[in-house]
Amino acid sequence: MTGLHALCEQARHATCICGATPDKPCDCAPAGVHLARFAHAERAGYITAAEFASVIADADVFTGTTVVRDVTS
């Protein structure tokens, strides 16, 4: 399984609901990635369904605008 930082980097290859274009940070959350962007990345083949599931595994409640904080360590 891939670590969270690598998944955030891979998710950034997809567009985001906030208007961020591929390979650019989310406009309103530069230190993180919107959950919807992970979903777009999964559909586009940048991450697997299992990797997407690992991102949301610990979330109790979330929406597409939920921000997943990127970690660098």
PDB file of N, CA and C in Angstrom:
ATOM      1  N   MET A   1       0.843  -1.182   0.000  1.00  0.00           N
ATOM      2  CA  MET A   1       0.000   0.000   0.000  1.00  0.00           C
ATOM      3  C   MET A   1       0.889   1.246   0.000  1.00  0.00           C
ATOM      4  N   THR A   2       0.475   2.240  -0.701  1.00  0.00           N
ATOM      5  CA  THR A   2       1.216   3.481  -0.839  1.00  0.00           C
ATOM      6  C   THR A   2       0.938   4.406   0.347  1.00  0.00           C
ATOM      7  N   GLY A   3       1.957   5.176   0.779  1.00  0.00           N
ATOM      8  CA  GLY A   3       1.792   6.112   1.886  1.00  0.00           C
ATOM      9  C   GLY A   3       0.930   7.307   1.508  1.00  0.00           C
ATOM     10  N   LEU A   4       0.449   8.020   2.531  1.00  0.00           N
ATOM     11  CA  LEU A   4      -0.475   9.130   2.319  1.00  0.00           C
ATOM     12  C   LEU A   4       0.135  10.238   1.459  1.00  0.00           C
ATOM     13  N   HIS A   5       1.390  10.602   1.705  1.00  0.00           N
ATOM     14  CA  HIS A   5       2.002  11.673   0.914  1.00  0.00           C
ATOM     15  C   HIS A   5       2.030  11.302  -0.569  1.00  0.00           C
ATOM     16  N   ALA A   6       2.422  10.076  -0.876  1.00  0.00           N
ATOM     17  CA  ALA A   6       2.470   9.627  -2.271  1.00  0.00           C
ATOM     18  C   ALA A   6       1.071   9.618  -2.890  1.00  0.00           C
ATOM     19  N   LEU A   7       0.066   9.226  -2.105  1.00  0.00           N
ATOM     20  CA  LEU A   7      -1.309   9.235  -2.614  1.00  0.00           C
ATOM     21  C   LEU A   7      -1.778  10.653  -2.899  1.00  0.00           C
ATOM     22  N   CYS A   8      -1.422  11.591  -2.026  1.00  0.00           N
ATOM     23  CA  CYS A   8      -1.768  13.000  -2.271  1.00  0.00           C
ATOM     24  C   CYS A   8      -1.122  13.485  -3.564  1.00  0.00           C
ATOM     25  N   GLU A   9       0.141  13.145  -3.767  1.00  0.00           N
ATOM     26  CA  GLU A   9       0.836  13.544  -4.989  1.00  0.00           C
ATOM     27  C   GLU A   9       0.162  12.937  -6.221  1.00  0.00           C
ATOM     28  N   GLN A  10      -0.228  11.671  -6.136  1.00  0.00           N
ATOM     29  CA  GLN A  10      -0.885  11.016  -7.262  1.00  0.00           C
ATOM     30  C   GLN A  10      -2.270  11.612  -7.513  1.00  0.00           C
ATOM     31  N   ALA A  11      -2.989  11.939  -6.441  1.00  0.00           N
ATOM     32  CA  ALA A  11      -4.318  12.527  -6.590  1.00  0.00           C
ATOM     33  C   ALA A  11      -4.249  13.888  -7.263  1.00  0.00           C
ATOM     34  N   ARG A  12      -3.161  14.606  -7.049  1.00  0.00           N
ATOM     35  CA  ARG A  12      -3.026  15.933  -7.659  1.00  0.00           C
ATOM     36  C   ARG A  12      -2.905  15.875  -9.178  1.00  0.00           C
ATOM     37  N   HIS A  13      -2.737  14.704  -9.756  1.00  0.00           N
ATOM     38  CA  HIS A  13      -2.728  14.574 -11.218  1.00  0.00           C
ATOM     39  C   HIS A  13      -4.129  14.767 -11.791  1.00  0.00           C
ATOM     40  N   ALA A  14      -5.150  14.640 -10.957  1.00  0.00           N
ATOM     41  CA  ALA A  14      -6.540  14.805 -11.394  1.00  0.00           C
ATOM     42  C   ALA A  14      -6.990  16.250 -11.154  1.00  0.00           C
ATOM     43  N   THR A  15      -8.064  16.637 -11.827  1.00  0.00           N
ATOM     44  CA  THR A  15      -8.657  17.947 -11.564  1.00  0.00           C
ATOM     45  C   THR A  15      -9.421  17.882 -10.246  1.00  0.00           C
ATOM     46  N   CYS A  16      -9.781  19.054  -9.714  1.00  0.00           N
ATOM     47  CA  CYS A  16     -10.482  19.098  -8.432  1.00  0.00           C
ATOM     48  C   CYS A  16     -11.748  19.943  -8.536  1.00  0.00           C
ATOM     49  N   ILE A  17     -12.683  19.684  -7.644  1.00  0.00           N
ATOM     50  CA  ILE A  17     -13.930  20.438  -7.612  1.00  0.00           C
ATOM     51  C   ILE A  17     -13.714  21.899  -7.255  1.00  0.00           C
ATOM     52  N   CYS A  18     -12.575  22.233  -6.669  1.00  0.00           N
ATOM     53  CA  CYS A  18     -12.284  23.618  -6.289  1.00  0.00           C
ATOM     54  C   CYS A  18     -11.734  24.423  -7.462  1.00  0.00           C
ATOM     55  N   GLY A  19     -11.527  23.767  -8.592  1.00  0.00           N
ATOM     56  CA  GLY A  19     -11.014  24.450  -9.768  1.00  0.00           C
ATOM     57  C   GLY A  19      -9.538  24.226 -10.025  1.00  0.00           C
ATOM     58  N   ALA A  20      -8.867  23.524  -9.130  1.00  0.00           N
ATOM     59  CA  ALA A  20      -7.449  23.243  -9.334  1.00  0.00           C
ATOM     60  C   ALA A  20      -7.272  22.338 -10.553  1.00  0.00           C
ATOM     61  N   THR A  21      -6.318  22.713 -11.371  1.00  0.00           N
ATOM     62  CA  THR A  21      -6.032  21.926 -12.553  1.00  0.00           C
ATOM     63  C   THR A  21      -5.010  20.838 -12.205  1.00  0.00           C
ATOM     64  N   PRO A  22      -4.839  19.853 -13.076  1.00  0.00           N
ATOM     65  CA  PRO A  22      -3.898  18.787 -12.787  1.00  0.00           C
ATOM     66  C   PRO A  22      -2.512  19.310 -12.415  1.00  0.00           C
ATOM     67  N   ASP A  23      -1.941  18.662 -11.415  1.00  0.00           N
ATOM     68  CA  ASP A  23      -0.593  18.946 -10.921  1.00  0.00           C
ATOM     69  C   ASP A  23      -0.455  20.295 -10.216  1.00  0.00           C
ATOM     70  N   LYS A  24      -1.572  20.918  -9.879  1.00  0.00           N
ATOM     71  CA  LYS A  24      -1.583  22.159  -9.098  1.00  0.00           C
ATOM     72  C   LYS A  24      -2.262  21.875  -7.763  1.00  0.00           C
ATOM     73  N   PRO A  25      -1.853  22.566  -6.691  1.00  0.00           N
ATOM     74  CA  PRO A  25      -2.508  22.342  -5.400  1.00  0.00           C
ATOM     75  C   PRO A  25      -3.955  22.815  -5.415  1.00  0.00           C
ATOM     76  N   CYS A  26      -4.747  22.267  -4.511  1.00  0.00           N
ATOM     77  CA  CYS A  26      -6.131  22.711  -4.369  1.00  0.00           C
ATOM     78  C   CYS A  26      -6.132  24.197  -4.015  1.00  0.00           C
ATOM     79  N   ASP A  27      -7.014  24.950  -4.657  1.00  0.00           N
ATOM     80  CA  ASP A  27      -7.044  26.403  -4.493  1.00  0.00           C
ATOM     81  C   ASP A  27      -7.276  26.838  -3.052  1.00  0.00           C
ATOM     82  N   CYS A  28      -8.190  26.193  -2.366  1.00  0.00           N
ATOM     83  CA  CYS A  28      -8.554  26.641  -1.023  1.00  0.00           C
ATOM     84  C   CYS A  28      -7.921  25.785   0.081  1.00  0.00           C
ATOM     85  N   ALA A  29      -7.121  24.806  -0.316  1.00  0.00           N
ATOM     86  CA  ALA A  29      -6.490  23.930   0.674  1.00  0.00           C
ATOM     87  C   ALA A  29      -5.112  23.510   0.184  1.00  0.00           C
ATOM     88  N   PRO A  30      -4.171  24.466   0.058  1.00  0.00           N
ATOM     89  CA  PRO A  30      -2.874  24.122  -0.515  1.00  0.00           C
ATOM     90  C   PRO A  30      -2.077  23.088   0.276  1.00  0.00           C
ATOM     91  N   ALA A  31      -2.393  22.899   1.556  1.00  0.00           N
ATOM     92  CA  ALA A  31      -1.681  21.908   2.370  1.00  0.00           C
ATOM     93  C   ALA A  31      -2.374  20.553   2.364  1.00  0.00           C
ATOM     94  N   GLY A  32      -3.378  20.401   1.518  1.00  0.00           N
ATOM     95  CA  GLY A  32      -4.111  19.149   1.484  1.00  0.00           C
ATOM     96  C   GLY A  32      -4.738  18.907   0.131  1.00  0.00           C
ATOM     97  N   VAL A  33      -5.577  17.888   0.076  1.00  0.00           N
ATOM     98  CA  VAL A  33      -6.253  17.493  -1.158  1.00  0.00           C
ATOM     99  C   VAL A  33      -7.714  17.215  -0.819  1.00  0.00           C
ATOM    100  N   HIS A  34      -8.630  17.774  -1.607  1.00  0.00           N
ATOM    101  CA  HIS A  34     -10.050  17.489  -1.386  1.00  0.00           C
ATOM    102  C   HIS A  34     -10.326  16.007  -1.647  1.00  0.00           C
ATOM    103  N   LEU A  35     -11.189  15.442  -0.855  1.00  0.00           N
ATOM    104  CA  LEU A  35     -11.528  14.026  -1.002  1.00  0.00           C
ATOM    105  C   LEU A  35     -12.088  13.743  -2.393  1.00  0.00           C
ATOM    106  N   ALA A  36     -12.835  14.676  -2.936  1.00  0.00           N
ATOM    107  CA  ALA A  36     -13.381  14.490  -4.286  1.00  0.00           C
ATOM    108  C   ALA A  36     -12.264  14.314  -5.314  1.00  0.00           C
ATOM    109  N   ARG A  37     -11.135  14.950  -5.087  1.00  0.00           N
ATOM    110  CA  ARG A  37     -10.014  14.811  -6.012  1.00  0.00           C
ATOM    111  C   ARG A  37      -9.446  13.400  -5.965  1.00  0.00           C
ATOM    112  N   PHE A  38      -9.444  12.797  -4.779  1.00  0.00           N
ATOM    113  CA  PHE A  38      -9.032  11.390  -4.685  1.00  0.00           C
ATOM    114  C   PHE A  38      -9.982  10.512  -5.496  1.00  0.00           C
ATOM    115  N   ALA A  39     -11.283  10.806  -5.410  1.00  0.00           N
ATOM    116  CA  ALA A  39     -12.266  10.029  -6.172  1.00  0.00           C
ATOM    117  C   ALA A  39     -12.033  10.196  -7.672  1.00  0.00           C
ATOM    118  N   HIS A  40     -11.765  11.426  -8.115  1.00  0.00           N
ATOM    119  CA  HIS A  40     -11.472  11.660  -9.534  1.00  0.00           C
ATOM    120  C   HIS A  40     -10.203  10.912  -9.932  1.00  0.00           C
ATOM    121  N   ALA A  41      -9.203  10.930  -9.053  1.00  0.00           N
ATOM    122  CA  ALA A  41      -7.945  10.242  -9.340  1.00  0.00           C
ATOM    123  C   ALA A  41      -8.151   8.733  -9.439  1.00  0.00           C
ATOM    124  N   GLU A  42      -9.008   8.206  -8.610  1.00  0.00           N
ATOM    125  CA  GLU A  42      -9.296   6.764  -8.669  1.00  0.00           C
ATOM    126  C   GLU A  42      -9.992   6.419  -9.985  1.00  0.00           C
ATOM    127  N   ARG A  43     -10.968   7.217 -10.372  1.00  0.00           N
ATOM    128  CA  ARG A  43     -11.671   6.955 -11.626  1.00  0.00           C
ATOM    129  C   ARG A  43     -10.754   7.098 -12.840  1.00  0.00           C
ATOM    130  N   ALA A  44      -9.769   7.994 -12.736  1.00  0.00           N
ATOM    131  CA  ALA A  44      -8.835   8.212 -13.848  1.00  0.00           C
ATOM    132  C   ALA A  44      -7.681   7.210 -13.854  1.00  0.00           C
ATOM    133  N   GLY A  45      -7.585   6.383 -12.815  1.00  0.00           N
ATOM    134  CA  GLY A  45      -6.545   5.367 -12.765  1.00  0.00           C
ATOM    135  C   GLY A  45      -5.237   5.813 -12.127  1.00  0.00           C
ATOM    136  N   TYR A  46      -5.228   7.000 -11.495  1.00  0.00           N
ATOM    137  CA  TYR A  46      -4.007   7.469 -10.828  1.00  0.00           C
ATOM    138  C   TYR A  46      -3.769   6.749  -9.503  1.00  0.00           C
ATOM    139  N   ILE A  47      -4.847   6.342  -8.829  1.00  0.00           N
ATOM    140  CA  ILE A  47      -4.748   5.537  -7.609  1.00  0.00           C
ATOM    141  C   ILE A  47      -5.731   4.383  -7.738  1.00  0.00           C
ATOM    142  N   THR A  48      -5.511   3.345  -6.968  1.00  0.00           N
ATOM    143  CA  THR A  48      -6.402   2.180  -7.021  1.00  0.00           C
ATOM    144  C   THR A  48      -7.592   2.372  -6.078  1.00  0.00           C
ATOM    145  N   ALA A  49      -8.594   1.539  -6.247  1.00  0.00           N
ATOM    146  CA  ALA A  49      -9.749   1.575  -5.346  1.00  0.00           C
ATOM    147  C   ALA A  49      -9.312   1.266  -3.916  1.00  0.00           C
ATOM    148  N   ALA A  50      -8.373   0.352  -3.750  1.00  0.00           N
ATOM    149  CA  ALA A  50      -7.875   0.021  -2.408  1.00  0.00           C
ATOM    150  C   ALA A  50      -7.144   1.209  -1.790  1.00  0.00           C
ATOM    151  N   GLU A  51      -6.389   1.946  -2.590  1.00  0.00           N
ATOM    152  CA  GLU A  51      -5.691   3.130  -2.075  1.00  0.00           C
ATOM    153  C   GLU A  51      -6.691   4.215  -1.687  1.00  0.00           C
ATOM    154  N   PHE A  52      -7.722   4.410  -2.503  1.00  0.00           N
ATOM    155  CA  PHE A  52      -8.765   5.375  -2.162  1.00  0.00           C
ATOM    156  C   PHE A  52      -9.444   4.966  -0.859  1.00  0.00           C
ATOM    157  N   ALA A  53      -9.732   3.686  -0.714  1.00  0.00           N
ATOM    158  CA  ALA A  53     -10.364   3.186   0.512  1.00  0.00           C
ATOM    159  C   ALA A  53      -9.474   3.433   1.726  1.00  0.00           C
ATOM    160  N   SER A  54      -8.158   3.326   1.537  1.00  0.00           N
ATOM    161  CA  SER A  54      -7.263   3.565   2.672  1.00  0.00           C
ATOM    162  C   SER A  54      -7.279   5.026   3.107  1.00  0.00           C
ATOM    163  N   VAL A  55      -7.526   5.933   2.177  1.00  0.00           N
ATOM    164  CA  VAL A  55      -7.595   7.362   2.505  1.00  0.00           C
ATOM    165  C   VAL A  55      -8.824   7.657   3.359  1.00  0.00           C
ATOM    166  N   ILE A  56      -9.946   7.033   3.044  1.00  0.00           N
ATOM    167  CA  ILE A  56     -11.189   7.331   3.766  1.00  0.00           C
ATOM    168  C   ILE A  56     -11.464   6.376   4.928  1.00  0.00           C
ATOM    169  N   ALA A  57     -10.588   5.417   5.140  1.00  0.00           N
ATOM    170  CA  ALA A  57     -10.832   4.363   6.138  1.00  0.00           C
ATOM    171  C   ALA A  57     -11.096   4.897   7.542  1.00  0.00           C
ATOM    172  N   ASP A  58     -10.395   5.935   7.955  1.00  0.00           N
ATOM    173  CA  ASP A  58     -10.539   6.442   9.318  1.00  0.00           C
ATOM    174  C   ASP A  58     -11.518   7.600   9.441  1.00  0.00           C
ATOM    175  N   ALA A  59     -12.124   7.986   8.344  1.00  0.00           N
ATOM    176  CA  ALA A  59     -13.070   9.110   8.380  1.00  0.00           C
ATOM    177  C   ALA A  59     -14.440   8.626   8.854  1.00  0.00           C
ATOM    178  N   ASP A  60     -14.974   9.307   9.846  1.00  0.00           N
ATOM    179  CA  ASP A  60     -16.317   8.966  10.315  1.00  0.00           C
ATOM    180  C   ASP A  60     -17.375   9.581   9.415  1.00  0.00           C
ATOM    181  N   VAL A  61     -17.218  10.865   9.133  1.00  0.00           N
ATOM    182  CA  VAL A  61     -18.146  11.607   8.290  1.00  0.00           C
ATOM    183  C   VAL A  61     -17.324  12.435   7.318  1.00  0.00           C
ATOM    184  N   PHE A  62     -17.720  12.453   6.057  1.00  0.00           N
ATOM    185  CA  PHE A  62     -16.980  13.242   5.084  1.00  0.00           C
ATOM    186  C   PHE A  62     -17.879  13.605   3.916  1.00  0.00           C
ATOM    187  N   THR A  63     -17.463  14.630   3.181  1.00  0.00           N
ATOM    188  CA  THR A  63     -18.102  15.039   1.933  1.00  0.00           C
ATOM    189  C   THR A  63     -17.012  15.152   0.877  1.00  0.00           C
ATOM    190  N   GLY A  64     -17.393  15.518  -0.323  1.00  0.00           N
ATOM    191  CA  GLY A  64     -16.401  15.706  -1.376  1.00  0.00           C
ATOM    192  C   GLY A  64     -15.466  16.864  -1.108  1.00  0.00           C
ATOM    193  N   THR A  65     -15.924  17.806  -0.277  1.00  0.00           N
ATOM    194  CA  THR A  65     -15.083  18.968   0.030  1.00  0.00           C
ATOM    195  C   THR A  65     -14.213  18.761   1.270  1.00  0.00           C
ATOM    196  N   THR A  66     -14.316  17.600   1.881  1.00  0.00           N
ATOM    197  CA  THR A  66     -13.437  17.279   3.008  1.00  0.00           C
ATOM    198  C   THR A  66     -11.993  17.322   2.511  1.00  0.00           C
ATOM    199  N   VAL A  67     -11.120  17.938   3.308  1.00  0.00           N
ATOM    200  CA  VAL A  67      -9.709  18.047   2.930  1.00  0.00           C
ATOM    201  C   VAL A  67      -8.894  17.010   3.682  1.00  0.00           C
ATOM    202  N   VAL A  68      -8.105  16.265   2.934  1.00  0.00           N
ATOM    203  CA  VAL A  68      -7.165  15.305   3.509  1.00  0.00           C
ATOM    204  C   VAL A  68      -5.824  16.029   3.589  1.00  0.00           C
ATOM    205  N   ARG A  69      -5.307  16.190   4.781  1.00  0.00           N
ATOM    206  CA  ARG A  69      -4.039  16.894   4.956  1.00  0.00           C
ATOM    207  C   ARG A  69      -2.883  16.049   4.465  1.00  0.00           C
ATOM    208  N   ASP A  70      -2.063  16.642   3.627  1.00  0.00           N
ATOM    209  CA  ASP A  70      -0.874  15.962   3.109  1.00  0.00           C
ATOM    210  C   ASP A  70       0.164  15.879   4.230  1.00  0.00           C
ATOM    211  N   VAL A  71       0.868  14.778   4.276  1.00  0.00           N
ATOM    212  CA  VAL A  71       1.946  14.608   5.247  1.00  0.00           C
ATOM    213  C   VAL A  71       3.228  14.365   4.467  1.00  0.00           C
ATOM    214  N   THR A  72       4.316  14.892   4.961  1.00  0.00           N
ATOM    215  CA  THR A  72       5.577  14.732   4.234  1.00  0.00           C
ATOM    216  C   THR A  72       6.530  13.791   4.948  1.00  0.00           C
ATOM    217  N   SER A  73       6.087  13.198   6.070  1.00  0.00           N
ATOM    218  CA  SER A  73       6.977  12.265   6.762  1.00  0.00           C
ATOM    219  C   SER A  73       6.292  10.934   6.974  1.00  0.00           C
TER     220      SER A  73
END
